[in-house]
PDB file of N, CA and C in Angstrom:
ATOM      1  N   MET A   1      84.637 -88.359 -36.128  1.00  0.00           N
ATOM      2  CA  MET A   1      83.928 -87.190 -36.721  1.00  0.00           C
ATOM      3  C   MET A   1      84.829 -85.904 -35.870  1.00  0.00           C
ATOM      4  N   MET A   2      85.424 -85.405 -36.456  1.00  0.00           N
ATOM      5  CA  MET A   2      86.395 -84.051 -35.755  1.00  0.00           C
ATOM      6  C   MET A   2      85.689 -82.864 -35.688  1.00  0.00           C
ATOM      7  N   ALA A   3      85.392 -82.366 -34.494  1.00  0.00           N
ATOM      8  CA  ALA A   3      84.676 -81.048 -34.588  1.00  0.00           C
ATOM      9  C   ALA A   3      85.421 -80.086 -34.643  1.00  0.00           C
ATOM     10  N   SER A   4      84.821 -78.867 -35.646  1.00  0.00           N
ATOM     11  CA  SER A   4      85.179 -77.447 -35.897  1.00  0.00           C
ATOM     12  C   SER A   4      85.615 -76.875 -34.843  1.00  0.00           C
ATOM     13  N   LYS A   5      86.788 -75.865 -34.653  1.00  0.00           N
ATOM     14  CA  LYS A   5      86.979 -75.023 -34.316  1.00  0.00           C
ATOM     15  C   LYS A   5      86.555 -73.761 -34.407  1.00  0.00           C
ATOM     16  N   ALA A   6      85.275 -73.507 -34.632  1.00  0.00           N
ATOM     17  CA  ALA A   6      84.988 -72.297 -35.101  1.00  0.00           C
ATOM     18  C   ALA A   6      84.925 -70.847 -34.029  1.00  0.00           C
ATOM     19  N   LYS A   7      85.526 -69.729 -34.582  1.00  0.00           N
ATOM     20  CA  LYS A   7      85.520 -68.892 -33.707  1.00  0.00           C
ATOM     21  C   LYS A   7      84.171 -67.798 -33.497  1.00  0.00           C
ATOM     22  N   LEU A   8      83.778 -67.406 -32.540  1.00  0.00           N
ATOM     23  CA  LEU A   8      82.578 -66.702 -32.616  1.00  0.00           C
ATOM     24  C   LEU A   8      82.783 -65.290 -32.204  1.00  0.00           C
ATOM     25  N   GLU A   9      82.697 -64.297 -32.994  1.00  0.00           N
ATOM     26  CA  GLU A   9      83.027 -63.069 -32.660  1.00  0.00           C
ATOM     27  C   GLU A   9      81.492 -62.175 -32.915  1.00  0.00           C
ATOM     28  N   ILE A  10      81.327 -61.598 -31.374  1.00  0.00           N
ATOM     29  CA  ILE A  10      80.148 -60.441 -31.261  1.00  0.00           C
ATOM     30  C   ILE A  10      80.600 -59.106 -31.953  1.00  0.00           C
ATOM     31  N   VAL A  11      80.107 -58.641 -32.708  1.00  0.00           N
ATOM     32  CA  VAL A  11      80.333 -57.282 -33.473  1.00  0.00           C
ATOM     33  C   VAL A  11      79.151 -56.313 -32.772  1.00  0.00           C
ATOM     34  N   ASP A  12      79.392 -55.347 -32.413  1.00  0.00           N
ATOM     35  CA  ASP A  12      78.606 -54.532 -32.029  1.00  0.00           C
ATOM     36  C   ASP A  12      78.394 -53.157 -33.074  1.00  0.00           C
ATOM     37  N   GLY A  13      77.303 -52.998 -33.688  1.00  0.00           N
ATOM     38  CA  GLY A  13      77.325 -51.978 -34.512  1.00  0.00           C
ATOM     39  C   GLY A  13      77.246 -52.538 -36.038  1.00  0.00           C
ATOM     40  N   PRO A  14      76.984 -51.700 -37.113  1.00  0.00           N
ATOM     41  CA  PRO A  14      76.971 -52.410 -38.731  1.00  0.00           C
ATOM     42  C   PRO A  14      78.353 -52.638 -38.749  1.00  0.00           C
ATOM     43  N   LEU A  15      78.168 -53.570 -39.750  1.00  0.00           N
ATOM     44  CA  LEU A  15      79.664 -54.606 -40.576  1.00  0.00           C
ATOM     45  C   LEU A  15      79.910 -53.552 -41.738  1.00  0.00           C
ATOM     46  N   GLU A  16      81.414 -53.446 -41.850  1.00  0.00           N
ATOM     47  CA  GLU A  16      81.855 -53.011 -42.993  1.00  0.00           C
ATOM     48  C   GLU A  16      81.776 -54.228 -44.110  1.00  0.00           C
ATOM     49  N   VAL A  17      81.037 -53.871 -45.166  1.00  0.00           N
ATOM     50  CA  VAL A  17      80.912 -54.864 -46.427  1.00  0.00           C
ATOM     51  C   VAL A  17      81.709 -54.575 -47.575  1.00  0.00           C
ATOM     52  N   GLY A  18      82.273 -53.280 -47.640  1.00  0.00           N
ATOM     53  CA  GLY A  18      83.110 -52.745 -48.506  1.00  0.00           C
ATOM     54  C   GLY A  18      81.940 -51.761 -49.814  1.00  0.00           C
ATOM     55  N   LYS A  19      82.956 -51.412 -50.835  1.00  0.00           N
ATOM     56  CA  LYS A  19      82.236 -50.750 -51.968  1.00  0.00           C
ATOM     57  C   LYS A  19      81.619 -52.085 -52.979  1.00  0.00           C
ATOM     58  N   PRO A  20      80.251 -52.032 -53.555  1.00  0.00           N
ATOM     59  CA  PRO A  20      79.809 -52.660 -54.396  1.00  0.00           C
ATOM     60  C   PRO A  20      80.300 -52.897 -55.440  1.00  0.00           C
ATOM     61  N   SER A  21      80.541 -53.385 -56.535  1.00  0.00           N
ATOM     62  CA  SER A  21      80.879 -53.569 -57.603  1.00  0.00           C
ATOM     63  C   SER A  21      79.596 -52.873 -58.647  1.00  0.00           C
ATOM     64  N   PRO A  22      79.975 -52.151 -59.853  1.00  0.00           N
ATOM     65  CA  PRO A  22      78.903 -51.600 -60.807  1.00  0.00           C
ATOM     66  C   PRO A  22      77.646 -52.418 -60.747  1.00  0.00           C
ATOM     67  N   PRO A  23      76.474 -52.305 -60.914  1.00  0.00           N
ATOM     68  CA  PRO A  23      75.518 -53.314 -60.663  1.00  0.00           C
ATOM     69  C   PRO A  23      75.482 -53.874 -62.545  1.00  0.00           C
ATOM     70  N   ARG A  24      74.980 -55.281 -62.751  1.00  0.00           N
ATOM     71  CA  ARG A  24      74.720 -55.484 -63.958  1.00  0.00           C
ATOM     72  C   ARG A  24      73.257 -56.197 -64.132  1.00  0.00           C
ATOM     73  N   TYR A  25      72.887 -55.894 -65.162  1.00  0.00           N
ATOM     74  CA  TYR A  25      71.252 -56.042 -65.250  1.00  0.00           C
ATOM     75  C   TYR A  25      71.109 -56.932 -66.343  1.00  0.00           C
ATOM     76  N   ARG A  26      69.888 -57.755 -66.452  1.00  0.00           N
ATOM     77  CA  ARG A  26      69.555 -58.651 -67.714  1.00  0.00           C
ATOM     78  C   ARG A  26      68.143 -58.496 -68.030  1.00  0.00           C
ATOM     79  N   THR A  27      67.643 -58.382 -69.115  1.00  0.00           N
ATOM     80  CA  THR A  27      66.334 -58.292 -69.196  1.00  0.00           C
ATOM     81  C   THR A  27      65.622 -59.527 -69.226  1.00  0.00           C
ATOM     82  N   ALA A  28      64.208 -59.702 -68.607  1.00  0.00           N
ATOM     83  CA  ALA A  28      63.740 -61.024 -68.611  1.00  0.00           C
ATOM     84  C   ALA A  28      62.526 -60.821 -68.950  1.00  0.00           C
ATOM     85  N   ILE A  29      61.543 -61.655 -69.448  1.00  0.00           N
ATOM     86  CA  ILE A  29      59.862 -61.415 -69.457  1.00  0.00           C
ATOM     87  C   ILE A  29      59.079 -61.797 -68.178  1.00  0.00           C
ATOM     88  N   GLY A  30      58.398 -61.018 -67.624  1.00  0.00           N
ATOM     89  CA  GLY A  30      57.627 -61.241 -66.134  1.00  0.00           C
ATOM     90  C   GLY A  30      56.810 -62.232 -66.586  1.00  0.00           C
ATOM     91  N   PRO A  31      55.621 -62.638 -65.528  1.00  0.00           N
ATOM     92  CA  PRO A  31      54.573 -63.734 -65.543  1.00  0.00           C
ATOM     93  C   PRO A  31      53.531 -62.770 -66.265  1.00  0.00           C
ATOM     94  N   ASP A  32      53.580 -61.637 -66.071  1.00  0.00           N
ATOM     95  CA  ASP A  32      52.404 -60.945 -67.001  1.00  0.00           C
ATOM     96  C   ASP A  32      52.688 -60.390 -68.537  1.00  0.00           C
ATOM     97  N   GLY A  33      53.791 -61.115 -69.097  1.00  0.00           N
ATOM     98  CA  GLY A  33      54.623 -60.797 -70.337  1.00  0.00           C
ATOM     99  C   GLY A  33      55.448 -59.328 -70.693  1.00  0.00           C
ATOM    100  N   GLN A  34      55.121 -58.510 -69.742  1.00  0.00           N
ATOM    101  CA  GLN A  34      56.315 -57.299 -69.246  1.00  0.00           C
ATOM    102  C   GLN A  34      57.746 -57.630 -69.460  1.00  0.00           C
ATOM    103  N   GLN A  35      58.190 -56.647 -69.907  1.00  0.00           N
ATOM    104  CA  GLN A  35      59.910 -56.669 -69.924  1.00  0.00           C
ATOM    105  C   GLN A  35      60.042 -56.350 -68.341  1.00  0.00           C
ATOM    106  N   VAL A  36      60.955 -56.961 -68.075  1.00  0.00           N
ATOM    107  CA  VAL A  36      61.460 -56.687 -66.086  1.00  0.00           C
ATOM    108  C   VAL A  36      63.126 -56.504 -66.222  1.00  0.00           C
ATOM    109  N   ARG A  37      63.523 -55.415 -65.611  1.00  0.00           N
ATOM    110  CA  ARG A  37      65.340 -55.669 -65.478  1.00  0.00           C
ATOM    111  C   ARG A  37      65.275 -56.583 -64.192  1.00  0.00           C
ATOM    112  N   VAL A  38      66.483 -57.197 -64.507  1.00  0.00           N
ATOM    113  CA  VAL A  38      66.922 -57.982 -62.971  1.00  0.00           C
ATOM    114  C   VAL A  38      68.357 -58.062 -62.669  1.00  0.00           C
ATOM    115  N   ARG A  39      68.650 -57.308 -61.790  1.00  0.00           N
ATOM    116  CA  ARG A  39      69.987 -57.140 -61.231  1.00  0.00           C
ATOM    117  C   ARG A  39      70.768 -58.568 -61.021  1.00  0.00           C
ATOM    118  N   MET A  40      71.694 -58.873 -61.774  1.00  0.00           N
ATOM    119  CA  MET A  40      72.477 -60.021 -61.804  1.00  0.00           C
ATOM    120  C   MET A  40      73.612 -59.673 -60.757  1.00  0.00           C
ATOM    121  N   LEU A  41      73.633 -60.755 -59.879  1.00  0.00           N
ATOM    122  CA  LEU A  41      74.778 -61.046 -58.780  1.00  0.00           C
ATOM    123  C   LEU A  41      75.844 -62.127 -58.795  1.00  0.00           C
ATOM    124  N   ASP A  42      77.030 -62.007 -58.820  1.00  0.00           N
ATOM    125  CA  ASP A  42      78.175 -62.989 -58.653  1.00  0.00           C
ATOM    126  C   ASP A  42      78.429 -63.556 -57.729  1.00  0.00           C
ATOM    127  N   PRO A  43      77.858 -64.868 -57.274  1.00  0.00           N
ATOM    128  CA  PRO A  43      77.936 -65.475 -56.073  1.00  0.00           C
ATOM    129  C   PRO A  43      79.360 -65.719 -55.595  1.00  0.00           C
ATOM    130  N   ASN A  44      80.246 -65.712 -56.526  1.00  0.00           N
ATOM    131  CA  ASN A  44      81.756 -65.915 -56.327  1.00  0.00           C
ATOM    132  C   ASN A  44      82.650 -64.713 -56.484  1.00  0.00           C
ATOM    133  N   SER A  45      81.993 -63.785 -56.381  1.00  0.00           N
ATOM    134  CA  SER A  45      82.394 -62.583 -56.415  1.00  0.00           C
ATOM    135  C   SER A  45      83.335 -62.076 -54.864  1.00  0.00           C
ATOM    136  N   SER A  46      84.254 -61.273 -54.979  1.00  0.00           N
ATOM    137  CA  SER A  46      84.850 -61.008 -53.444  1.00  0.00           C
ATOM    138  C   SER A  46      84.066 -59.805 -53.098  1.00  0.00           C
ATOM    139  N   THR A  47      83.231 -59.506 -53.850  1.00  0.00           N
ATOM    140  CA  THR A  47      82.442 -58.292 -53.244  1.00  0.00           C
ATOM    141  C   THR A  47      80.896 -58.674 -53.066  1.00  0.00           C
ATOM    142  N   PHE A  48      80.681 -60.146 -52.963  1.00  0.00           N
ATOM    143  CA  PHE A  48      79.135 -60.486 -53.022  1.00  0.00           C
ATOM    144  C   PHE A  48      78.461 -59.657 -51.954  1.00  0.00           C
ATOM    145  N   SER A  49      78.949 -59.665 -50.551  1.00  0.00           N
ATOM    146  CA  SER A  49      78.304 -59.293 -49.417  1.00  0.00           C
ATOM    147  C   SER A  49      77.677 -57.589 -49.678  1.00  0.00           C
ATOM    148  N   ALA A  50      78.727 -57.006 -50.073  1.00  0.00           N
ATOM    149  CA  ALA A  50      78.342 -55.417 -50.561  1.00  0.00           C
ATOM    150  C   ALA A  50      77.427 -55.494 -51.656  1.00  0.00           C
ATOM    151  N   ASP A  51      77.819 -56.518 -52.742  1.00  0.00           N
ATOM    152  CA  ASP A  51      76.508 -56.617 -54.130  1.00  0.00           C
ATOM    153  C   ASP A  51      75.135 -56.759 -53.561  1.00  0.00           C
ATOM    154  N   PHE A  52      75.081 -57.885 -52.557  1.00  0.00           N
ATOM    155  CA  PHE A  52      73.883 -58.586 -52.381  1.00  0.00           C
ATOM    156  C   PHE A  52      72.988 -57.410 -51.123  1.00  0.00           C
ATOM    157  N   LEU A  53      73.863 -56.561 -50.488  1.00  0.00           N
ATOM    158  CA  LEU A  53      73.191 -55.660 -49.908  1.00  0.00           C
ATOM    159  C   LEU A  53      72.815 -54.622 -50.609  1.00  0.00           C
ATOM    160  N   SER A  54      73.918 -53.892 -51.350  1.00  0.00           N
ATOM    161  CA  SER A  54      73.097 -53.116 -52.303  1.00  0.00           C
ATOM    162  C   SER A  54      71.865 -53.408 -53.308  1.00  0.00           C
ATOM    163  N   SER A  55      71.853 -54.546 -53.715  1.00  0.00           N
ATOM    164  CA  SER A  55      70.670 -54.846 -54.476  1.00  0.00           C
ATOM    165  C   SER A  55      69.555 -55.247 -53.424  1.00  0.00           C
ATOM    166  N   PHE A  56      69.512 -55.415 -52.380  1.00  0.00           N
ATOM    167  CA  PHE A  56      68.573 -55.651 -51.477  1.00  0.00           C
ATOM    168  C   PHE A  56      67.941 -54.036 -51.166  1.00  0.00           C
ATOM    169  N   ARG A  57      68.948 -52.817 -51.080  1.00  0.00           N
ATOM    170  CA  ARG A  57      68.460 -51.890 -50.888  1.00  0.00           C
ATOM    171  C   ARG A  57      67.661 -51.229 -51.914  1.00  0.00           C
ATOM    172  N   ALA A  58      68.561 -51.717 -53.229  1.00  0.00           N
ATOM    173  CA  ALA A  58      67.615 -51.075 -54.510  1.00  0.00           C
ATOM    174  C   ALA A  58      66.242 -51.546 -54.445  1.00  0.00           C
ATOM    175  N   ASN A  59      66.282 -52.554 -54.006  1.00  0.00           N
ATOM    176  CA  ASN A  59      64.649 -53.426 -54.177  1.00  0.00           C
ATOM    177  C   ASN A  59      63.661 -52.941 -53.450  1.00  0.00           C
ATOM    178  N   VAL A  60      64.153 -52.331 -52.127  1.00  0.00           N
ATOM    179  CA  VAL A  60      63.513 -51.993 -51.107  1.00  0.00           C
ATOM    180  C   VAL A  60      63.060 -50.515 -51.336  1.00  0.00           C
ATOM    181  N   ARG A  61      63.923 -49.974 -51.854  1.00  0.00           N
ATOM    182  CA  ARG A  61      63.994 -48.398 -52.346  1.00  0.00           C
ATOM    183  C   ARG A  61      62.768 -48.676 -53.451  1.00  0.00           C
ATOM    184  N   CYS A  62      62.628 -49.421 -54.587  1.00  0.00           N
ATOM    185  CA  CYS A  62      61.869 -49.283 -55.598  1.00  0.00           C
ATOM    186  C   CYS A  62      60.447 -49.922 -55.096  1.00  0.00           C
ATOM    187  N   ALA A  63      60.220 -50.773 -54.217  1.00  0.00           N
ATOM    188  CA  ALA A  63      58.799 -51.324 -53.412  1.00  0.00           C
ATOM    189  C   ALA A  63      58.201 -49.885 -52.886  1.00  0.00           C
ATOM    190  N   ARG A  64      59.238 -49.240 -51.707  1.00  0.00           N
ATOM    191  CA  ARG A  64      58.492 -48.269 -51.219  1.00  0.00           C
ATOM    192  C   ARG A  64      58.101 -47.002 -52.057  1.00  0.00           C
ATOM    193  N   ALA A  65      59.167 -46.849 -53.505  1.00  0.00           N
ATOM    194  CA  ALA A  65      58.286 -45.693 -54.112  1.00  0.00           C
ATOM    195  C   ALA A  65      57.082 -46.263 -55.065  1.00  0.00           C
ATOM    196  N   GLU A  66      56.984 -47.627 -54.949  1.00  0.00           N
ATOM    197  CA  GLU A  66      55.661 -48.303 -55.716  1.00  0.00           C
ATOM    198  C   GLU A  66      54.474 -48.085 -54.818  1.00  0.00           C
ATOM    199  N   ASN A  67      54.544 -48.031 -53.672  1.00  0.00           N
ATOM    200  CA  ASN A  67      53.633 -48.117 -52.469  1.00  0.00           C
ATOM    201  C   ASN A  67      53.091 -46.592 -52.297  1.00  0.00           C
ATOM    202  N   ARG A  68      54.364 -45.676 -52.487  1.00  0.00           N
ATOM    203  CA  ARG A  68      53.984 -44.241 -52.527  1.00  0.00           C
ATOM    204  C   ARG A  68      53.018 -43.934 -53.585  1.00  0.00           C
ATOM    205  N   ALA A  69      53.501 -44.503 -54.956  1.00  0.00           N
ATOM    206  CA  ALA A  69      52.761 -44.209 -55.899  1.00  0.00           C
ATOM    207  C   ALA A  69      51.273 -44.532 -55.737  1.00  0.00           C
ATOM    208  N   LEU A  70      51.104 -45.782 -55.378  1.00  0.00           N
ATOM    209  CA  LEU A  70      49.567 -46.417 -54.943  1.00  0.00           C
ATOM    210  C   LEU A  70      48.864 -45.839 -53.695  1.00  0.00           C
ATOM    211  N   GLY A  71      49.474 -45.170 -52.960  1.00  0.00           N
ATOM    212  CA  GLY A  71      49.078 -44.206 -51.869  1.00  0.00           C
ATOM    213  C   GLY A  71      48.921 -45.127 -50.457  1.00  0.00           C
ATOM    214  N   LEU A  72      50.029 -46.235 -50.507  1.00  0.00           N
ATOM    215  CA  LEU A  72      49.902 -47.322 -49.410  1.00  0.00           C
ATOM    216  C   LEU A  72      50.738 -47.011 -48.544  1.00  0.00           C
ATOM    217  N   ASP A  73      50.765 -47.279 -47.218  1.00  0.00           N
ATOM    218  CA  ASP A  73      52.159 -46.945 -46.272  1.00  0.00           C
ATOM    219  C   ASP A  73      53.008 -48.072 -46.381  1.00  0.00           C
ATOM    220  N   ASP A  74      54.236 -47.603 -45.698  1.00  0.00           N
ATOM    221  CA  ASP A  74      55.464 -48.361 -45.617  1.00  0.00           C
ATOM    222  C   ASP A  74      55.151 -49.452 -44.760  1.00  0.00           C
TER     223      ASP A  74
END
């Protein structure tokens, strides 16, 4: 078995992931029977890390807005 020579790089500060591609959505039916918009990500895309980060931030933004509407703290 050959050991791989992985190079470890320590990064101080945020990583530059680049600009995400425009979001694509698909409509699905949720467990309660309501229509839900689902954001689609292409795992083979060259901008996957930027798309994933953008999707995560959008999900957090929506969850915080829902919590504020319910009067809950973040």
